[in-house]
Amino acid sequence: MIPGLSNVAETGLAGMLTPAATELTTDMLASLSMLVFGPGDAELAPLGITVAGHRDVTIVVTDPHRRIGNVTIEVASPGNLILFDNRNAGGHLHANLRMLGPDCAMLFHGLGDGYIGLQDIFLRSRGQVLVWGRDATAVGLSIEHEGTGRTLLIGDDALISSGVWIRNHDMHAIHDLRTGDRITRPPVDTVIERHVWIGQNALVLGCQRIGTGAIIGAAALVKGVVPTCTAMAGVPARIIRTHVSWGRDTSGMTDTERAIVTGC
């Protein structure tokens, strides 16, 4: 397995790599030819990587000669790891990556030529794992993830617009003053499956799963579970169409996109 990936992270990782979400498997990770760098290594600058804050982080790449983009990494605890599978990268990953807790991992699988704008990715707790799927793109995405061992997967070929936020819980506790009971739910794992489109300014909040081929409308507030091949919109979001999906080209869907959503 990847050098420096803690047992906590491996446990969370194994449970989230499902065929519905990504082609990536732990066997594929184990077979990758990788180079390992530390935060002070001169090889990081040509790749477009800058490390700030705490210096104990392992950075793994699959091609030391192919630029990743413009990536700032800030860690506050030891034992963290970031993997960039940049064998086919076009140099268009623009990201601010932060890890507050120890023993966390971010895995960027199959970086391609598409633009990936990650305004602020923040893992706050111990042993968290984030996986970015093959050919997933984003215009402007922010993530704030809480909870020890919690995982987040952005599936292959996701299309995420600007101003989108993903949070895995309400971030602050709300209590019933009469009973003292906590009303807010604890942090959840979030899986966004293959070929999901999330529209501008949407908020994905405490959402366990968005199914394959789903469409999330602009400014929607999404919680719970989104079925496959549905369109949801509104605050809170509700299903407005079923048995639908989408294509990156305005003229229609490609054969590959249709194959992903076959059976919806």
C-alpha atoms as a PDB file:
ATOM      1  CA  MET A   1       0.000   0.000   0.000  1.00  0.00           C
ATOM      2  CA  ILE A   2       1.013   3.636  -0.369  1.00  0.00           C
ATOM      3  CA  PRO A   3       3.898   4.642   1.905  1.00  0.00           C
ATOM      4  CA  GLY A   4       2.723   6.621   4.920  1.00  0.00           C
ATOM      5  CA  LEU A   5      -0.974   5.781   4.587  1.00  0.00           C
ATOM      6  CA  SER A   6      -2.107   4.994   8.123  1.00  0.00           C
ATOM      7  CA  ASN A   7      -4.196   1.991   9.130  1.00  0.00           C
ATOM      8  CA  VAL A   8      -7.102   4.319   9.913  1.00  0.00           C
ATOM      9  CA  ALA A   9      -6.993   5.804   6.440  1.00  0.00           C
ATOM     10  CA  GLU A  10      -6.711   2.386   4.790  1.00  0.00           C
ATOM     11  CA  THR A  11      -9.820   1.192   6.622  1.00  0.00           C
ATOM     12  CA  GLY A  12     -11.865   4.146   5.398  1.00  0.00           C
ATOM     13  CA  LEU A  13     -10.456   3.875   1.900  1.00  0.00           C
ATOM     14  CA  ALA A  14     -11.340   0.218   1.369  1.00  0.00           C
ATOM     15  CA  GLY A  15     -15.013   0.816   2.092  1.00  0.00           C
ATOM     16  CA  MET A  16     -15.483   3.697  -0.327  1.00  0.00           C
ATOM     17  CA  LEU A  17     -13.910   2.379  -3.535  1.00  0.00           C
ATOM     18  CA  THR A  18     -16.975   0.833  -5.151  1.00  0.00           C
ATOM     19  CA  PRO A  19     -17.538   0.278  -8.903  1.00  0.00           C
ATOM     20  CA  ALA A  20     -20.586   2.557  -8.781  1.00  0.00           C
ATOM     21  CA  ALA A  21     -18.320   5.452  -7.822  1.00  0.00           C
ATOM     22  CA  THR A  22     -14.891   4.846  -9.343  1.00  0.00           C
ATOM     23  CA  GLU A  23     -12.713   2.457 -11.287  1.00  0.00           C
ATOM     24  CA  LEU A  24     -10.033   2.870  -8.610  1.00  0.00           C
ATOM     25  CA  THR A  25      -9.291  -0.132  -6.395  1.00  0.00           C
ATOM     26  CA  THR A  26      -6.782  -0.774  -3.641  1.00  0.00           C
ATOM     27  CA  ASP A  27      -5.060  -3.258  -5.978  1.00  0.00           C
ATOM     28  CA  MET A  28      -4.627  -0.494  -8.561  1.00  0.00           C
ATOM     29  CA  LEU A  29      -3.123   1.756  -5.919  1.00  0.00           C
ATOM     30  CA  ALA A  30      -0.714  -0.942  -4.839  1.00  0.00           C
ATOM     31  CA  SER A  31       0.442  -1.483  -8.436  1.00  0.00           C
ATOM     32  CA  LEU A  32       1.156   2.181  -9.234  1.00  0.00           C
ATOM     33  CA  SER A  33       4.727   3.214  -9.891  1.00  0.00           C
ATOM     34  CA  MET A  34       5.188   6.106  -7.470  1.00  0.00           C
ATOM     35  CA  LEU A  35       7.818   8.562  -6.325  1.00  0.00           C
ATOM     36  CA  VAL A  36       7.730   9.849  -2.757  1.00  0.00           C
ATOM     37  CA  PHE A  37       8.748  13.387  -1.807  1.00  0.00           C
ATOM     38  CA  GLY A  38       9.025  15.368   1.389  1.00  0.00           C
ATOM     39  CA  PRO A  39       7.849  18.968   1.776  1.00  0.00           C
ATOM     40  CA  GLY A  40      11.328  20.436   1.361  1.00  0.00           C
ATOM     41  CA  ASP A  41      12.279  18.601  -1.827  1.00  0.00           C
ATOM     42  CA  ALA A  42      13.228  20.795  -4.777  1.00  0.00           C
ATOM     43  CA  GLU A  43      11.335  18.535  -7.208  1.00  0.00           C
ATOM     44  CA  LEU A  44       7.988  19.862  -5.949  1.00  0.00           C
ATOM     45  CA  ALA A  45       8.334  23.362  -7.415  1.00  0.00           C
ATOM     46  CA  PRO A  46       8.348  22.260 -11.092  1.00  0.00           C
ATOM     47  CA  LEU A  47       5.276  20.150 -10.348  1.00  0.00           C
ATOM     48  CA  GLY A  48       3.479  23.274  -9.100  1.00  0.00           C
ATOM     49  CA  ILE A  49       3.326  22.225  -5.434  1.00  0.00           C
ATOM     50  CA  THR A  50       3.991  24.512  -2.460  1.00  0.00           C
ATOM     51  CA  VAL A  51       3.940  23.284   1.156  1.00  0.00           C
ATOM     52  CA  ALA A  52       3.150  25.624   4.059  1.00  0.00           C
ATOM     53  CA  GLY A  53       2.684  25.181   7.794  1.00  0.00           C
ATOM     54  CA  HIS A  54       3.706  21.945   9.498  1.00  0.00           C
ATOM     55  CA  ARG A  55       6.369  20.158   7.475  1.00  0.00           C
ATOM     56  CA  ASP A  56       5.464  16.525   8.182  1.00  0.00           C
ATOM     57  CA  VAL A  57       3.612  15.471   5.028  1.00  0.00           C
ATOM     58  CA  THR A  58       4.316  12.817   2.396  1.00  0.00           C
ATOM     59  CA  ILE A  59       3.673  13.760  -1.235  1.00  0.00           C
ATOM     60  CA  VAL A  60       3.442  10.989  -3.825  1.00  0.00           C
ATOM     61  CA  VAL A  61       3.345  11.426  -7.610  1.00  0.00           C
ATOM     62  CA  THR A  62       3.265   8.981 -10.514  1.00  0.00           C
ATOM     63  CA  ASP A  63       5.156  11.220 -12.964  1.00  0.00           C
ATOM     64  CA  PRO A  64       7.902  13.501 -11.596  1.00  0.00           C
ATOM     65  CA  HIS A  65       8.156  15.386 -14.908  1.00  0.00           C
ATOM     66  CA  ARG A  66       4.510  16.307 -15.576  1.00  0.00           C
ATOM     67  CA  ARG A  67       3.235  19.508 -13.975  1.00  0.00           C
ATOM     68  CA  ILE A  68       0.151  19.111 -11.781  1.00  0.00           C
ATOM     69  CA  GLY A  69      -0.929  22.756 -11.659  1.00  0.00           C
ATOM     70  CA  ASN A  70      -0.814  25.251  -8.799  1.00  0.00           C
ATOM     71  CA  VAL A  71      -1.333  23.467  -5.485  1.00  0.00           C
ATOM     72  CA  THR A  72      -0.807  24.828  -1.978  1.00  0.00           C
ATOM     73  CA  ILE A  73      -0.643  22.278   0.835  1.00  0.00           C
ATOM     74  CA  GLU A  74      -0.999  23.236   4.497  1.00  0.00           C
ATOM     75  CA  VAL A  75      -0.861  20.660   7.287  1.00  0.00           C
ATOM     76  CA  ALA A  76      -0.979  21.122  11.051  1.00  0.00           C
ATOM     77  CA  SER A  77      -0.317  17.564  12.268  1.00  0.00           C
ATOM     78  CA  PRO A  78       1.987  14.650  11.383  1.00  0.00           C
ATOM     79  CA  GLY A  79       1.320  11.535   9.333  1.00  0.00           C
ATOM     80  CA  ASN A  80      -0.574  13.058   6.409  1.00  0.00           C
ATOM     81  CA  LEU A  81      -0.261  11.998   2.770  1.00  0.00           C
ATOM     82  CA  ILE A  82      -1.313  13.351  -0.625  1.00  0.00           C
ATOM     83  CA  LEU A  83      -1.141  11.254  -3.805  1.00  0.00           C
ATOM     84  CA  PHE A  84      -1.311  12.815  -7.271  1.00  0.00           C
ATOM     85  CA  ASP A  85      -1.762  10.307 -10.095  1.00  0.00           C
ATOM     86  CA  ASN A  86      -0.512  12.767 -12.708  1.00  0.00           C
ATOM     87  CA  ARG A  87       0.526  10.420 -15.526  1.00  0.00           C
ATOM     88  CA  ASN A  88      -1.942  12.128 -17.895  1.00  0.00           C
ATOM     89  CA  ALA A  89      -2.356  15.450 -16.103  1.00  0.00           C
ATOM     90  CA  GLY A  90      -2.744  18.612 -18.162  1.00  0.00           C
ATOM     91  CA  GLY A  91      -1.502  20.877 -15.371  1.00  0.00           C
ATOM     92  CA  HIS A  92      -4.941  22.265 -14.536  1.00  0.00           C
ATOM     93  CA  LEU A  93      -5.328  21.401 -10.843  1.00  0.00           C
ATOM     94  CA  HIS A  94      -5.601  24.674  -8.903  1.00  0.00           C
ATOM     95  CA  ALA A  95      -6.098  23.799  -5.262  1.00  0.00           C
ATOM     96  CA  ASN A  96      -5.699  24.886  -1.653  1.00  0.00           C
ATOM     97  CA  LEU A  97      -5.443  21.685   0.403  1.00  0.00           C
ATOM     98  CA  ARG A  98      -5.526  21.810   4.219  1.00  0.00           C
ATOM     99  CA  MET A  99      -5.300  19.054   6.832  1.00  0.00           C
ATOM    100  CA  LEU A 100      -5.792  19.917  10.490  1.00  0.00           C
ATOM    101  CA  GLY A 101      -5.801  16.421  11.996  1.00  0.00           C
ATOM    102  CA  PRO A 102      -3.131  13.700  11.712  1.00  0.00           C
ATOM    103  CA  ASP A 103      -3.090  10.516   9.592  1.00  0.00           C
ATOM    104  CA  CYS A 104      -5.245  11.872   6.778  1.00  0.00           C
ATOM    105  CA  ALA A 105      -4.965  11.116   3.054  1.00  0.00           C
ATOM    106  CA  MET A 106      -6.008  12.836  -0.160  1.00  0.00           C
ATOM    107  CA  LEU A 107      -5.841  10.723  -3.325  1.00  0.00           C
ATOM    108  CA  PHE A 108      -6.202  12.380  -6.732  1.00  0.00           C
ATOM    109  CA  HIS A 109      -6.737   9.508  -9.158  1.00  0.00           C
ATOM    110  CA  GLY A 110      -6.338   9.822 -12.915  1.00  0.00           C
ATOM    111  CA  LEU A 111      -5.808  13.569 -13.223  1.00  0.00           C
ATOM    112  CA  GLY A 112      -6.567  14.484 -16.825  1.00  0.00           C
ATOM    113  CA  ASP A 113      -6.757  17.590 -18.987  1.00  0.00           C
ATOM    114  CA  GLY A 114      -9.905  19.028 -17.384  1.00  0.00           C
ATOM    115  CA  TYR A 115      -9.884  22.071 -15.116  1.00  0.00           C
ATOM    116  CA  ILE A 116     -10.103  21.392 -11.365  1.00  0.00           C
ATOM    117  CA  GLY A 117     -10.628  24.466  -9.189  1.00  0.00           C
ATOM    118  CA  LEU A 118     -10.578  23.560  -5.493  1.00  0.00           C
ATOM    119  CA  GLN A 119     -10.849  26.800  -3.567  1.00  0.00           C
ATOM    120  CA  ASP A 120     -10.505  25.273  -0.110  1.00  0.00           C
ATOM    121  CA  ILE A 121     -10.367  21.598   0.814  1.00  0.00           C
ATOM    122  CA  PHE A 122     -10.249  21.235   4.602  1.00  0.00           C
ATOM    123  CA  LEU A 123      -9.997  17.918   6.468  1.00  0.00           C
ATOM    124  CA  ARG A 124     -10.448  18.778  10.124  1.00  0.00           C
ATOM    125  CA  SER A 125     -10.138  15.479  12.017  1.00  0.00           C
ATOM    126  CA  ARG A 126      -7.904  12.437  12.443  1.00  0.00           C
ATOM    127  CA  GLY A 127      -7.715   9.656   9.851  1.00  0.00           C
ATOM    128  CA  GLN A 128      -9.904  11.226   7.177  1.00  0.00           C
ATOM    129  CA  VAL A 129      -9.701  10.199   3.517  1.00  0.00           C
ATOM    130  CA  LEU A 130     -10.643  12.137   0.387  1.00  0.00           C
ATOM    131  CA  VAL A 131     -10.607  10.516  -3.065  1.00  0.00           C
ATOM    132  CA  TRP A 132     -10.904  12.506  -6.294  1.00  0.00           C
ATOM    133  CA  GLY A 133     -12.047  10.304  -9.185  1.00  0.00           C
ATOM    134  CA  ARG A 134     -10.683   9.980 -12.691  1.00  0.00           C
ATOM    135  CA  ASP A 135     -11.532  12.915 -15.010  1.00  0.00           C
ATOM    136  CA  ALA A 136     -13.690  14.655 -12.390  1.00  0.00           C
ATOM    137  CA  THR A 137     -13.701  18.438 -12.867  1.00  0.00           C
ATOM    138  CA  ALA A 138     -14.689  21.495 -10.840  1.00  0.00           C
ATOM    139  CA  VAL A 139     -14.980  25.200 -11.578  1.00  0.00           C
ATOM    140  CA  GLY A 140     -14.933  26.247  -7.922  1.00  0.00           C
ATOM    141  CA  LEU A 141     -15.466  23.730  -5.101  1.00  0.00           C
ATOM    142  CA  SER A 142     -14.973  24.059  -1.339  1.00  0.00           C
ATOM    143  CA  ILE A 143     -15.068  21.152   1.121  1.00  0.00           C
ATOM    144  CA  GLU A 144     -15.104  21.134   4.913  1.00  0.00           C
ATOM    145  CA  HIS A 145     -15.003  17.637   6.366  1.00  0.00           C
ATOM    146  CA  GLU A 146     -15.315  16.721  10.037  1.00  0.00           C
ATOM    147  CA  GLY A 147     -15.231  13.512  12.096  1.00  0.00           C
ATOM    148  CA  THR A 148     -12.532  10.988  12.931  1.00  0.00           C
ATOM    149  CA  GLY A 149     -12.119   8.427  10.139  1.00  0.00           C
ATOM    150  CA  ARG A 150     -14.791   9.975   7.918  1.00  0.00           C
ATOM    151  CA  THR A 151     -14.410   9.606   4.163  1.00  0.00           C
ATOM    152  CA  LEU A 152     -15.388  11.569   1.067  1.00  0.00           C
ATOM    153  CA  LEU A 153     -15.302  10.338  -2.520  1.00  0.00           C
ATOM    154  CA  ILE A 154     -15.863  12.463  -5.613  1.00  0.00           C
ATOM    155  CA  GLY A 155     -16.625   9.877  -8.290  1.00  0.00           C
ATOM    156  CA  ASP A 156     -15.172   9.480 -11.767  1.00  0.00           C
ATOM    157  CA  ASP A 157     -16.297  12.045 -14.360  1.00  0.00           C
ATOM    158  CA  ALA A 158     -18.066  14.302 -11.862  1.00  0.00           C
ATOM    159  CA  LEU A 159     -18.867  17.811 -13.115  1.00  0.00           C
ATOM    160  CA  ILE A 160     -18.949  20.405 -10.324  1.00  0.00           C
ATOM    161  CA  SER A 161     -19.759  24.047 -11.014  1.00  0.00           C
ATOM    162  CA  SER A 162     -18.616  27.209  -9.220  1.00  0.00           C
ATOM    163  CA  GLY A 163     -19.549  28.212  -5.684  1.00  0.00           C
ATOM    164  CA  VAL A 164     -20.323  24.623  -4.630  1.00  0.00           C
ATOM    165  CA  TRP A 165     -19.830  23.545  -0.997  1.00  0.00           C
ATOM    166  CA  ILE A 166     -19.672  20.023   0.394  1.00  0.00           C
ATOM    167  CA  ARG A 167     -19.943  19.656   4.170  1.00  0.00           C
ATOM    168  CA  ASN A 168     -20.560  16.350   5.922  1.00  0.00           C
ATOM    169  CA  HIS A 169     -22.478  17.838   8.855  1.00  0.00           C
ATOM    170  CA  ASP A 170     -23.906  21.108  10.211  1.00  0.00           C
ATOM    171  CA  MET A 171     -20.519  22.153  11.650  1.00  0.00           C
ATOM    172  CA  HIS A 172     -22.004  23.363  14.965  1.00  0.00           C
ATOM    173  CA  ALA A 173     -24.235  21.611  17.503  1.00  0.00           C
ATOM    174  CA  ILE A 174     -27.878  22.611  17.966  1.00  0.00           C
ATOM    175  CA  HIS A 175     -29.585  21.613  21.235  1.00  0.00           C
ATOM    176  CA  ASP A 176     -33.175  21.492  22.432  1.00  0.00           C
ATOM    177  CA  LEU A 177     -33.147  23.854  25.418  1.00  0.00           C
ATOM    178  CA  ARG A 178     -36.064  22.040  27.075  1.00  0.00           C
ATOM    179  CA  THR A 179     -34.562  18.543  27.041  1.00  0.00           C
ATOM    180  CA  GLY A 180     -30.861  19.194  26.517  1.00  0.00           C
ATOM    181  CA  ASP A 181     -30.873  16.760  23.574  1.00  0.00           C
ATOM    182  CA  ARG A 182     -28.581  17.399  20.654  1.00  0.00           C
ATOM    183  CA  ILE A 183     -30.653  17.854  17.501  1.00  0.00           C
ATOM    184  CA  THR A 184     -27.923  17.899  14.873  1.00  0.00           C
ATOM    185  CA  ARG A 185     -26.654  14.614  13.519  1.00  0.00           C
ATOM    186  CA  PRO A 186     -23.014  13.484  13.699  1.00  0.00           C
ATOM    187  CA  PRO A 187     -20.708  13.725  10.643  1.00  0.00           C
ATOM    188  CA  VAL A 188     -21.344  11.242   7.820  1.00  0.00           C
ATOM    189  CA  ASP A 189     -19.322   9.600   5.068  1.00  0.00           C
ATOM    190  CA  THR A 190     -20.156  11.073   1.660  1.00  0.00           C
ATOM    191  CA  VAL A 191     -19.957   9.235  -1.670  1.00  0.00           C
ATOM    192  CA  ILE A 192     -20.687  11.019  -4.932  1.00  0.00           C
ATOM    193  CA  GLU A 193     -20.940   8.313  -7.580  1.00  0.00           C
ATOM    194  CA  ARG A 194     -19.889   8.375 -11.243  1.00  0.00           C
ATOM    195  CA  HIS A 195     -20.979  11.073 -13.695  1.00  0.00           C
ATOM    196  CA  VAL A 196     -22.777  13.402 -11.260  1.00  0.00           C
ATOM    197  CA  TRP A 197     -23.406  17.050 -12.180  1.00  0.00           C
ATOM    198  CA  ILE A 198     -23.614  19.540  -9.296  1.00  0.00           C
ATOM    199  CA  GLY A 199     -24.873  22.981 -10.307  1.00  0.00           C
ATOM    200  CA  GLN A 200     -23.662  26.429  -9.320  1.00  0.00           C
ATOM    201  CA  ASN A 201     -23.837  27.446  -5.632  1.00  0.00           C
ATOM    202  CA  ALA A 202     -25.283  24.108  -4.511  1.00  0.00           C
ATOM    203  CA  LEU A 203     -24.748  23.030  -0.888  1.00  0.00           C
ATOM    204  CA  VAL A 204     -24.251  19.309  -0.242  1.00  0.00           C
ATOM    205  CA  LEU A 205     -24.793  19.093   3.523  1.00  0.00           C
ATOM    206  CA  GLY A 206     -24.681  15.878   5.533  1.00  0.00           C
ATOM    207  CA  CYS A 207     -25.356  13.904   2.364  1.00  0.00           C
ATOM    208  CA  GLN A 208     -24.459  10.212   2.444  1.00  0.00           C
ATOM    209  CA  ARG A 209     -24.723   9.468  -1.273  1.00  0.00           C
ATOM    210  CA  ILE A 210     -25.496  11.051  -4.625  1.00  0.00           C
ATOM    211  CA  GLY A 211     -26.281   8.303  -7.109  1.00  0.00           C
ATOM    212  CA  THR A 212     -24.758   7.707 -10.530  1.00  0.00           C
ATOM    213  CA  GLY A 213     -25.774  10.183 -13.238  1.00  0.00           C
ATOM    214  CA  ALA A 214     -27.705  12.475 -10.915  1.00  0.00           C
ATOM    215  CA  ILE A 215     -28.161  16.213 -11.538  1.00  0.00           C
ATOM    216  CA  ILE A 216     -28.166  18.707  -8.650  1.00  0.00           C
ATOM    217  CA  GLY A 217     -29.705  22.054  -9.600  1.00  0.00           C
ATOM    218  CA  ALA A 218     -28.163  25.461  -9.010  1.00  0.00           C
ATOM    219  CA  ALA A 219     -28.391  26.758  -5.407  1.00  0.00           C
ATOM    220  CA  ALA A 220     -29.961  23.488  -4.214  1.00  0.00           C
ATOM    221  CA  LEU A 221     -29.602  22.287  -0.613  1.00  0.00           C
ATOM    222  CA  VAL A 222     -29.015  18.538  -0.692  1.00  0.00           C
ATOM    223  CA  LYS A 223     -29.137  16.164   2.277  1.00  0.00           C
ATOM    224  CA  GLY A 224     -29.555  12.430   2.776  1.00  0.00           C
ATOM    225  CA  VAL A 225     -29.465  10.182  -0.298  1.00  0.00           C
ATOM    226  CA  VAL A 226     -30.005  11.176  -3.933  1.00  0.00           C
ATOM    227  CA  PRO A 227     -31.218   8.294  -6.162  1.00  0.00           C
ATOM    228  CA  THR A 228     -29.412   7.440  -9.388  1.00  0.00           C
ATOM    229  CA  CYS A 229     -30.341   9.307 -12.575  1.00  0.00           C
ATOM    230  CA  THR A 230     -32.581  11.866 -10.924  1.00  0.00           C
ATOM    231  CA  ALA A 231     -32.667  15.663 -11.103  1.00  0.00           C
ATOM    232  CA  MET A 232     -33.065  17.479  -7.780  1.00  0.00           C
ATOM    233  CA  ALA A 233     -33.572  21.193  -7.151  1.00  0.00           C
ATOM    234  CA  GLY A 234     -34.774  23.581  -4.464  1.00  0.00           C
ATOM    235  CA  VAL A 235     -34.233  24.336  -0.771  1.00  0.00           C
ATOM    236  CA  PRO A 236     -34.470  21.733   0.555  1.00  0.00           C
ATOM    237  CA  ALA A 237     -33.869  19.825  -2.679  1.00  0.00           C
ATOM    238  CA  ARG A 238     -36.587  17.549  -4.025  1.00  0.00           C
ATOM    239  CA  ILE A 239     -36.779  15.258  -7.027  1.00  0.00           C
ATOM    240  CA  ILE A 240     -38.097  17.099 -10.089  1.00  0.00           C
ATOM    241  CA  ARG A 241     -37.334  14.465 -12.759  1.00  0.00           C
ATOM    242  CA  THR A 242     -36.451  10.774 -12.785  1.00  0.00           C
ATOM    243  CA  HIS A 243     -34.714   8.597 -15.415  1.00  0.00           C
ATOM    244  CA  VAL A 244     -32.588  11.499 -16.627  1.00  0.00           C
ATOM    245  CA  SER A 245     -28.877  12.181 -16.907  1.00  0.00           C
ATOM    246  CA  TRP A 246     -26.601  14.572 -18.741  1.00  0.00           C
ATOM    247  CA  GLY A 247     -23.684  15.025 -21.171  1.00  0.00           C
ATOM    248  CA  ARG A 248     -20.686  17.338 -21.060  1.00  0.00           C
ATOM    249  CA  ASP A 249     -21.350  18.419 -24.647  1.00  0.00           C
ATOM    250  CA  THR A 250     -24.443  20.589 -25.125  1.00  0.00           C
ATOM    251  CA  SER A 251     -25.314  18.612 -28.258  1.00  0.00           C
ATOM    252  CA  GLY A 252     -25.928  15.383 -26.355  1.00  0.00           C
ATOM    253  CA  MET A 253     -24.466  12.441 -24.480  1.00  0.00           C
ATOM    254  CA  THR A 254     -21.524  10.388 -25.640  1.00  0.00           C
ATOM    255  CA  ASP A 255     -21.664   6.608 -25.891  1.00  0.00           C
ATOM    256  CA  THR A 256     -19.430   6.403 -22.819  1.00  0.00           C
ATOM    257  CA  GLU A 257     -21.761   8.629 -20.796  1.00  0.00           C
ATOM    258  CA  ARG A 258     -24.759   6.561 -21.842  1.00  0.00           C
ATOM    259  CA  ALA A 259     -22.975   3.367 -20.865  1.00  0.00           C
ATOM    260  CA  ILE A 260     -22.336   4.728 -17.349  1.00  0.00           C
ATOM    261  CA  VAL A 261     -26.026   5.354 -16.717  1.00  0.00           C
ATOM    262  CA  THR A 262     -27.374   2.242 -18.458  1.00  0.00           C
ATOM    263  CA  GLY A 263     -30.107   0.703 -16.340  1.00  0.00           C
ATOM    264  CA  CYS A 264     -31.428   3.910 -14.782  1.00  0.00           C
END
